[in-house]
């Protein structure tokens, strides 16, 4: 799984202008999949072709009544966008999360990506007009 996942991550990060360190990402994938309590890593296949990946990271929320999950990364290659793949993946992630007892899914999107935001809103995600703040430790 590591090599296809790393190639997809490299494409995603390049497209978004994020820094990418292949060795660091490989180590993070190994760490993540070694601990099931962290979440699930999915390679997305469409017609037997790997066309993306998704990372579902688990957490806990008192506000939302228990287990929650963050769709930490979701990437579909350009050639398979606007063809229903993302919509199907979101449905699959939602069903998977329900089976895991997750109460709520969270995700974020870049402000400059209105197509992604429109898809998420159509799939039932709500913009709660909150700001996600982060502090790197």
N, C-alpha and C. Protein backbone atom coordinates (compact mmCIF):
# COMPACT_ATOMS: atom_id res chain seq x y z
N UNK A 1 0.82 -1.20 0.00
CA UNK A 1 0.00 0.00 0.00
C UNK A 1 0.86 1.26 0.00
N UNK A 2 2.03 1.22 0.60
CA UNK A 2 2.80 2.44 0.83
C UNK A 2 3.15 3.19 -0.45
N UNK A 3 3.66 2.49 -1.46
CA UNK A 3 4.11 3.21 -2.66
C UNK A 3 2.96 3.89 -3.42
N UNK A 4 1.86 3.18 -3.71
CA UNK A 4 0.75 3.89 -4.38
C UNK A 4 0.23 5.05 -3.52
N UNK A 5 0.15 4.83 -2.22
CA UNK A 5 -0.35 5.88 -1.33
C UNK A 5 0.60 7.08 -1.35
N UNK A 6 1.88 6.82 -1.32
CA UNK A 6 2.85 7.92 -1.32
C UNK A 6 2.82 8.69 -2.64
N UNK A 7 2.65 7.99 -3.75
CA UNK A 7 2.55 8.67 -5.04
C UNK A 7 1.32 9.58 -5.07
N UNK A 8 0.20 9.08 -4.55
CA UNK A 8 -1.03 9.88 -4.50
C UNK A 8 -0.86 11.07 -3.56
N UNK A 9 -0.24 10.84 -2.40
CA UNK A 9 0.00 11.94 -1.46
C UNK A 9 0.87 13.02 -2.11
N UNK A 10 1.90 12.60 -2.80
CA UNK A 10 2.79 13.56 -3.46
C UNK A 10 2.00 14.41 -4.45
N UNK A 11 1.11 13.79 -5.21
CA UNK A 11 0.30 14.53 -6.18
C UNK A 11 -0.65 15.49 -5.46
N UNK A 12 -1.28 15.04 -4.39
CA UNK A 12 -2.19 15.88 -3.62
C UNK A 12 -1.46 17.09 -3.05
N UNK A 13 -0.36 16.84 -2.38
CA UNK A 13 0.39 17.93 -1.74
C UNK A 13 0.92 18.92 -2.78
N UNK A 14 1.39 18.41 -3.91
CA UNK A 14 1.89 19.30 -4.97
C UNK A 14 0.77 20.18 -5.49
N UNK A 15 -0.41 19.60 -5.71
CA UNK A 15 -1.54 20.36 -6.22
C UNK A 15 -2.02 21.44 -5.27
N UNK A 16 -1.85 21.20 -3.97
CA UNK A 16 -2.29 22.17 -2.97
C UNK A 16 -1.17 23.11 -2.54
N UNK A 17 0.05 22.83 -2.98
CA UNK A 17 1.18 23.67 -2.59
C UNK A 17 1.67 23.38 -1.18
N UNK A 18 1.37 22.18 -0.67
CA UNK A 18 1.83 21.78 0.66
C UNK A 18 3.22 21.17 0.55
N UNK A 19 4.06 21.35 1.55
CA UNK A 19 5.37 20.68 1.52
C UNK A 19 5.17 19.17 1.68
N UNK A 20 5.99 18.39 0.99
CA UNK A 20 5.88 16.93 1.04
C UNK A 20 7.24 16.31 1.23
N UNK A 21 7.35 15.48 2.24
CA UNK A 21 8.58 14.73 2.53
C UNK A 21 8.20 13.25 2.44
N UNK A 22 8.63 12.59 1.39
CA UNK A 22 8.23 11.21 1.14
C UNK A 22 8.61 10.27 2.28
N UNK A 23 9.81 10.38 2.79
CA UNK A 23 10.25 9.49 3.87
C UNK A 23 9.43 9.72 5.14
N UNK A 24 9.17 10.97 5.47
CA UNK A 24 8.36 11.29 6.65
C UNK A 24 6.93 10.74 6.48
N UNK A 25 6.37 10.94 5.30
CA UNK A 25 5.02 10.44 5.05
C UNK A 25 4.96 8.92 5.10
N UNK A 26 5.99 8.25 4.59
CA UNK A 26 6.03 6.78 4.66
C UNK A 26 6.05 6.32 6.11
N UNK A 27 6.84 6.99 6.93
CA UNK A 27 6.90 6.64 8.37
C UNK A 27 5.56 6.90 9.04
N UNK A 28 4.90 7.98 8.67
CA UNK A 28 3.59 8.28 9.26
C UNK A 28 2.54 7.25 8.85
N UNK A 29 2.56 6.83 7.60
CA UNK A 29 1.62 5.79 7.15
C UNK A 29 1.86 4.51 7.95
N UNK A 30 3.12 4.10 8.10
CA UNK A 30 3.42 2.88 8.87
C UNK A 30 2.92 3.01 10.30
N UNK A 31 3.16 4.15 10.93
CA UNK A 31 2.72 4.38 12.30
C UNK A 31 1.20 4.35 12.40
N UNK A 32 0.53 5.00 11.46
CA UNK A 32 -0.92 5.10 11.46
C UNK A 32 -1.59 3.73 11.31
N UNK A 33 -1.14 2.95 10.34
CA UNK A 33 -1.80 1.65 10.10
C UNK A 33 -1.42 0.61 11.16
N UNK A 34 -0.32 0.83 11.87
CA UNK A 34 0.08 -0.10 12.93
C UNK A 34 -0.79 0.03 14.18
N UNK A 35 -1.49 1.14 14.32
CA UNK A 35 -2.32 1.41 15.51
C UNK A 35 -3.76 1.62 15.07
N UNK A 36 -4.58 0.56 15.09
CA UNK A 36 -5.97 0.69 14.63
C UNK A 36 -6.77 1.77 15.36
N UNK A 37 -6.36 2.11 16.57
CA UNK A 37 -7.09 3.14 17.31
C UNK A 37 -6.94 4.53 16.67
N UNK A 38 -5.94 4.71 15.81
CA UNK A 38 -5.75 6.00 15.15
C UNK A 38 -6.79 6.26 14.07
N UNK A 39 -7.21 5.20 13.38
CA UNK A 39 -8.18 5.37 12.30
C UNK A 39 -7.94 4.41 11.17
N UNK A 40 -8.40 4.78 9.99
CA UNK A 40 -8.31 3.91 8.83
C UNK A 40 -7.77 4.67 7.63
N UNK A 41 -6.96 3.98 6.85
CA UNK A 41 -6.36 4.52 5.63
C UNK A 41 -6.93 3.71 4.47
N UNK A 42 -7.53 4.39 3.50
CA UNK A 42 -8.17 3.73 2.37
C UNK A 42 -7.50 4.13 1.07
N UNK A 43 -7.20 3.14 0.24
CA UNK A 43 -6.87 3.41 -1.16
C UNK A 43 -8.19 3.30 -1.91
N UNK A 44 -8.47 4.26 -2.74
CA UNK A 44 -9.73 4.32 -3.46
C UNK A 44 -9.55 3.71 -4.84
N UNK A 45 -10.36 2.69 -5.12
CA UNK A 45 -10.31 2.05 -6.43
C UNK A 45 -11.60 2.32 -7.18
N UNK A 46 -11.45 2.54 -8.47
CA UNK A 46 -12.60 2.76 -9.35
C UNK A 46 -12.33 1.94 -10.60
N UNK A 47 -13.19 0.99 -10.90
CA UNK A 47 -12.98 0.08 -12.02
C UNK A 47 -11.59 -0.57 -11.97
N UNK A 48 -11.24 -1.07 -10.79
CA UNK A 48 -9.98 -1.79 -10.54
C UNK A 48 -8.73 -0.92 -10.67
N UNK A 49 -8.88 0.38 -10.73
CA UNK A 49 -7.74 1.31 -10.82
C UNK A 49 -7.69 2.14 -9.54
N UNK A 50 -6.50 2.27 -8.96
CA UNK A 50 -6.34 3.11 -7.77
C UNK A 50 -6.37 4.56 -8.22
N UNK A 51 -7.37 5.31 -7.71
CA UNK A 51 -7.58 6.69 -8.18
C UNK A 51 -7.56 7.71 -7.04
N UNK A 52 -7.22 7.28 -5.84
CA UNK A 52 -7.17 8.22 -4.74
C UNK A 52 -6.97 7.53 -3.42
N UNK A 53 -7.07 8.33 -2.37
CA UNK A 53 -6.95 7.80 -1.02
C UNK A 53 -7.75 8.67 -0.06
N UNK A 54 -8.05 8.09 1.09
CA UNK A 54 -8.74 8.82 2.14
C UNK A 54 -8.18 8.36 3.49
N UNK A 55 -8.09 9.30 4.41
CA UNK A 55 -7.64 9.00 5.76
C UNK A 55 -8.73 9.43 6.73
N UNK A 56 -9.19 8.48 7.53
CA UNK A 56 -10.21 8.72 8.54
C UNK A 56 -9.52 8.60 9.90
N UNK A 57 -9.36 9.72 10.60
CA UNK A 57 -8.66 9.76 11.89
C UNK A 57 -9.67 9.87 13.02
N UNK A 58 -9.56 8.97 14.00
CA UNK A 58 -10.53 8.89 15.08
C UNK A 58 -10.21 9.82 16.24
N UNK A 59 -11.28 10.27 16.87
CA UNK A 59 -11.17 11.10 18.06
C UNK A 59 -12.38 10.88 18.95
N UNK A 60 -12.61 11.82 19.84
CA UNK A 60 -13.73 11.74 20.78
C UNK A 60 -14.23 13.16 21.02
N UNK A 61 -15.54 13.32 21.03
CA UNK A 61 -16.13 14.64 21.21
C UNK A 61 -17.26 14.59 22.22
N UNK A 62 -17.14 15.36 23.29
CA UNK A 62 -18.24 15.48 24.25
C UNK A 62 -19.39 16.24 23.61
N UNK A 63 -19.06 17.24 22.82
CA UNK A 63 -20.10 18.04 22.16
C UNK A 63 -21.01 17.18 21.28
N UNK A 64 -20.42 16.22 20.59
CA UNK A 64 -21.17 15.40 19.66
C UNK A 64 -21.53 14.02 20.21
N UNK A 65 -21.27 13.77 21.47
CA UNK A 65 -21.76 12.56 22.11
C UNK A 65 -20.94 11.31 21.96
N UNK A 66 -19.65 11.44 21.81
CA UNK A 66 -18.81 10.24 21.78
C UNK A 66 -17.79 10.25 20.67
N UNK A 67 -17.60 9.07 20.07
CA UNK A 67 -16.57 8.91 19.04
C UNK A 67 -16.87 9.82 17.85
N UNK A 68 -15.84 10.48 17.37
CA UNK A 68 -15.94 11.26 16.15
C UNK A 68 -14.76 10.90 15.25
N UNK A 69 -14.80 11.37 14.04
CA UNK A 69 -13.70 11.11 13.12
C UNK A 69 -13.53 12.33 12.22
N UNK A 70 -12.32 12.51 11.80
CA UNK A 70 -11.95 13.60 10.92
C UNK A 70 -11.49 13.00 9.60
N UNK A 71 -12.11 13.41 8.52
CA UNK A 71 -11.60 13.01 7.21
C UNK A 71 -10.37 13.89 7.00
N UNK A 72 -9.24 13.35 7.40
CA UNK A 72 -8.00 14.13 7.46
C UNK A 72 -7.49 14.46 6.07
N UNK A 73 -7.57 13.50 5.17
CA UNK A 73 -7.18 13.74 3.79
C UNK A 73 -8.09 12.94 2.88
N UNK A 74 -8.48 13.56 1.78
CA UNK A 74 -9.29 12.92 0.75
C UNK A 74 -8.79 13.45 -0.58
N UNK A 75 -8.31 12.55 -1.41
CA UNK A 75 -7.74 12.96 -2.70
C UNK A 75 -8.20 12.01 -3.78
N UNK A 76 -8.67 12.59 -4.86
CA UNK A 76 -9.05 11.86 -6.08
C UNK A 76 -8.22 12.44 -7.23
N UNK A 77 -7.62 11.60 -8.04
CA UNK A 77 -6.82 12.10 -9.17
C UNK A 77 -7.71 12.89 -10.11
N UNK A 78 -7.10 13.87 -10.77
CA UNK A 78 -7.84 14.77 -11.66
C UNK A 78 -8.72 14.04 -12.67
N UNK A 79 -8.21 12.97 -13.23
CA UNK A 79 -8.94 12.27 -14.29
C UNK A 79 -10.25 11.64 -13.80
N UNK A 80 -10.43 11.52 -12.49
CA UNK A 80 -11.63 10.90 -11.95
C UNK A 80 -12.49 11.86 -11.13
N UNK A 81 -12.19 13.13 -11.20
CA UNK A 81 -13.02 14.12 -10.51
C UNK A 81 -14.25 14.43 -11.35
N UNK A 82 -15.29 14.88 -10.69
CA UNK A 82 -16.56 15.25 -11.34
C UNK A 82 -17.18 14.06 -12.09
N UNK A 83 -16.94 12.86 -11.57
CA UNK A 83 -17.49 11.64 -12.18
C UNK A 83 -18.23 10.80 -11.15
N UNK A 84 -18.46 11.36 -9.95
CA UNK A 84 -19.18 10.63 -8.91
C UNK A 84 -18.29 9.85 -7.95
N UNK A 85 -16.99 9.86 -8.17
CA UNK A 85 -16.09 9.09 -7.30
C UNK A 85 -16.07 9.69 -5.90
N UNK A 86 -15.87 10.99 -5.80
CA UNK A 86 -15.83 11.64 -4.48
C UNK A 86 -17.12 11.45 -3.71
N UNK A 87 -18.23 11.57 -4.39
CA UNK A 87 -19.53 11.36 -3.77
C UNK A 87 -19.66 9.94 -3.22
N UNK A 88 -19.26 8.97 -4.03
CA UNK A 88 -19.31 7.57 -3.60
C UNK A 88 -18.37 7.32 -2.42
N UNK A 89 -17.20 7.93 -2.45
CA UNK A 89 -16.25 7.77 -1.34
C UNK A 89 -16.82 8.35 -0.06
N UNK A 90 -17.42 9.53 -0.14
CA UNK A 90 -18.02 10.13 1.06
C UNK A 90 -19.14 9.25 1.61
N UNK A 91 -19.94 8.67 0.74
CA UNK A 91 -20.99 7.74 1.19
C UNK A 91 -20.36 6.54 1.89
N UNK A 92 -19.32 5.99 1.29
CA UNK A 92 -18.64 4.83 1.87
C UNK A 92 -17.99 5.15 3.20
N UNK A 93 -17.35 6.31 3.30
CA UNK A 93 -16.75 6.71 4.57
C UNK A 93 -17.81 6.89 5.65
N UNK A 94 -18.95 7.46 5.27
CA UNK A 94 -20.04 7.65 6.23
C UNK A 94 -20.56 6.31 6.75
N UNK A 95 -20.76 5.37 5.84
CA UNK A 95 -21.24 4.04 6.25
C UNK A 95 -20.21 3.33 7.12
N UNK A 96 -18.96 3.41 6.74
CA UNK A 96 -17.88 2.81 7.52
C UNK A 96 -17.86 3.40 8.94
N UNK A 97 -17.98 4.71 9.00
CA UNK A 97 -17.96 5.39 10.30
C UNK A 97 -19.14 4.96 11.17
N UNK A 98 -20.32 4.85 10.58
CA UNK A 98 -21.50 4.39 11.34
C UNK A 98 -21.25 3.02 11.94
N UNK A 99 -20.67 2.12 11.15
CA UNK A 99 -20.39 0.76 11.64
C UNK A 99 -19.35 0.77 12.75
N UNK A 100 -18.52 1.78 12.80
CA UNK A 100 -17.50 1.90 13.85
C UNK A 100 -18.04 2.64 15.09
N UNK A 101 -19.32 3.04 15.05
CA UNK A 101 -19.91 3.73 16.20
C UNK A 101 -19.57 5.20 16.28
N UNK A 102 -19.17 5.77 15.17
CA UNK A 102 -18.80 7.18 15.14
C UNK A 102 -20.06 8.02 15.03
N UNK A 103 -20.13 9.06 15.85
CA UNK A 103 -21.32 9.91 15.93
C UNK A 103 -21.32 11.04 14.91
N UNK A 104 -20.13 11.52 14.54
CA UNK A 104 -20.05 12.68 13.65
C UNK A 104 -18.73 12.62 12.86
N UNK A 105 -18.81 13.03 11.60
CA UNK A 105 -17.63 13.17 10.75
C UNK A 105 -17.33 14.65 10.57
N UNK A 106 -16.07 14.98 10.60
CA UNK A 106 -15.62 16.35 10.35
C UNK A 106 -14.70 16.33 9.14
N UNK A 107 -14.61 17.44 8.46
CA UNK A 107 -13.62 17.62 7.41
C UNK A 107 -13.39 19.12 7.23
N UNK A 108 -12.35 19.42 6.51
CA UNK A 108 -12.09 20.83 6.17
C UNK A 108 -11.74 20.88 4.69
N UNK A 109 -11.96 22.06 4.12
CA UNK A 109 -11.58 22.27 2.73
C UNK A 109 -10.96 23.66 2.62
N UNK A 110 -10.17 23.82 1.62
CA UNK A 110 -9.54 25.11 1.39
C UNK A 110 -10.60 26.10 0.88
N UNK A 111 -10.47 27.35 1.29
CA UNK A 111 -11.44 28.38 0.89
C UNK A 111 -11.46 28.58 -0.62
N UNK A 112 -10.36 28.27 -1.29
CA UNK A 112 -10.29 28.48 -2.74
C UNK A 112 -10.81 27.27 -3.52
N UNK A 113 -11.48 26.32 -2.84
CA UNK A 113 -11.97 25.14 -3.53
C UNK A 113 -13.49 25.03 -3.40
N UNK A 114 -14.24 25.89 -4.09
CA UNK A 114 -15.70 25.88 -3.94
C UNK A 114 -16.36 24.60 -4.45
N UNK A 115 -15.75 23.91 -5.42
CA UNK A 115 -16.34 22.65 -5.91
C UNK A 115 -16.34 21.60 -4.80
N UNK A 116 -15.24 21.49 -4.08
CA UNK A 116 -15.18 20.52 -2.98
C UNK A 116 -16.19 20.89 -1.90
N UNK A 117 -16.25 22.16 -1.55
CA UNK A 117 -17.20 22.58 -0.53
C UNK A 117 -18.64 22.29 -0.96
N UNK A 118 -18.97 22.53 -2.21
CA UNK A 118 -20.32 22.26 -2.70
C UNK A 118 -20.64 20.77 -2.60
N UNK A 119 -19.68 19.91 -2.92
CA UNK A 119 -19.88 18.47 -2.78
C UNK A 119 -20.15 18.12 -1.32
N UNK A 120 -19.33 18.63 -0.42
CA UNK A 120 -19.49 18.31 1.00
C UNK A 120 -20.85 18.77 1.52
N UNK A 121 -21.28 19.94 1.11
CA UNK A 121 -22.59 20.43 1.54
C UNK A 121 -23.71 19.55 0.99
N UNK A 122 -23.59 19.11 -0.28
CA UNK A 122 -24.59 18.20 -0.86
C UNK A 122 -24.65 16.87 -0.12
N UNK A 123 -23.52 16.44 0.44
CA UNK A 123 -23.46 15.16 1.13
C UNK A 123 -23.82 15.28 2.61
N UNK A 124 -24.32 16.45 3.02
CA UNK A 124 -24.84 16.59 4.37
C UNK A 124 -23.92 17.21 5.39
N UNK A 125 -22.72 17.60 4.96
CA UNK A 125 -21.84 18.30 5.88
C UNK A 125 -22.36 19.72 6.06
N UNK A 126 -22.16 20.28 7.23
CA UNK A 126 -22.69 21.61 7.56
C UNK A 126 -21.53 22.55 7.84
N UNK A 127 -21.58 23.73 7.25
CA UNK A 127 -20.61 24.77 7.57
C UNK A 127 -21.12 25.46 8.83
N UNK A 128 -20.49 25.19 9.95
CA UNK A 128 -20.93 25.74 11.23
C UNK A 128 -20.35 27.12 11.50
N UNK A 129 -19.73 27.71 10.49
CA UNK A 129 -19.15 29.05 10.60
C UNK A 129 -18.20 29.16 11.79
N UNK A 130 -17.46 28.10 12.00
CA UNK A 130 -16.42 28.10 13.02
C UNK A 130 -15.08 28.21 12.33
N UNK A 131 -14.09 28.61 13.04
CA UNK A 131 -12.74 28.68 12.50
C UNK A 131 -11.92 27.56 13.12
N UNK A 132 -11.28 26.78 12.28
CA UNK A 132 -10.37 25.76 12.77
C UNK A 132 -9.03 26.43 13.03
N UNK A 133 -8.60 26.39 14.25
CA UNK A 133 -7.32 26.96 14.65
C UNK A 133 -6.37 25.82 14.98
N UNK A 134 -5.13 25.97 14.62
CA UNK A 134 -4.15 24.90 14.85
C UNK A 134 -2.90 25.49 15.49
N UNK A 135 -2.28 24.67 16.31
CA UNK A 135 -1.00 25.06 16.92
C UNK A 135 -0.05 23.89 16.77
N UNK A 136 1.01 24.04 16.03
CA UNK A 136 2.00 23.00 15.86
C UNK A 136 2.86 22.95 17.12
N UNK A 137 2.97 21.76 17.67
CA UNK A 137 3.76 21.59 18.92
C UNK A 137 5.12 20.99 18.64
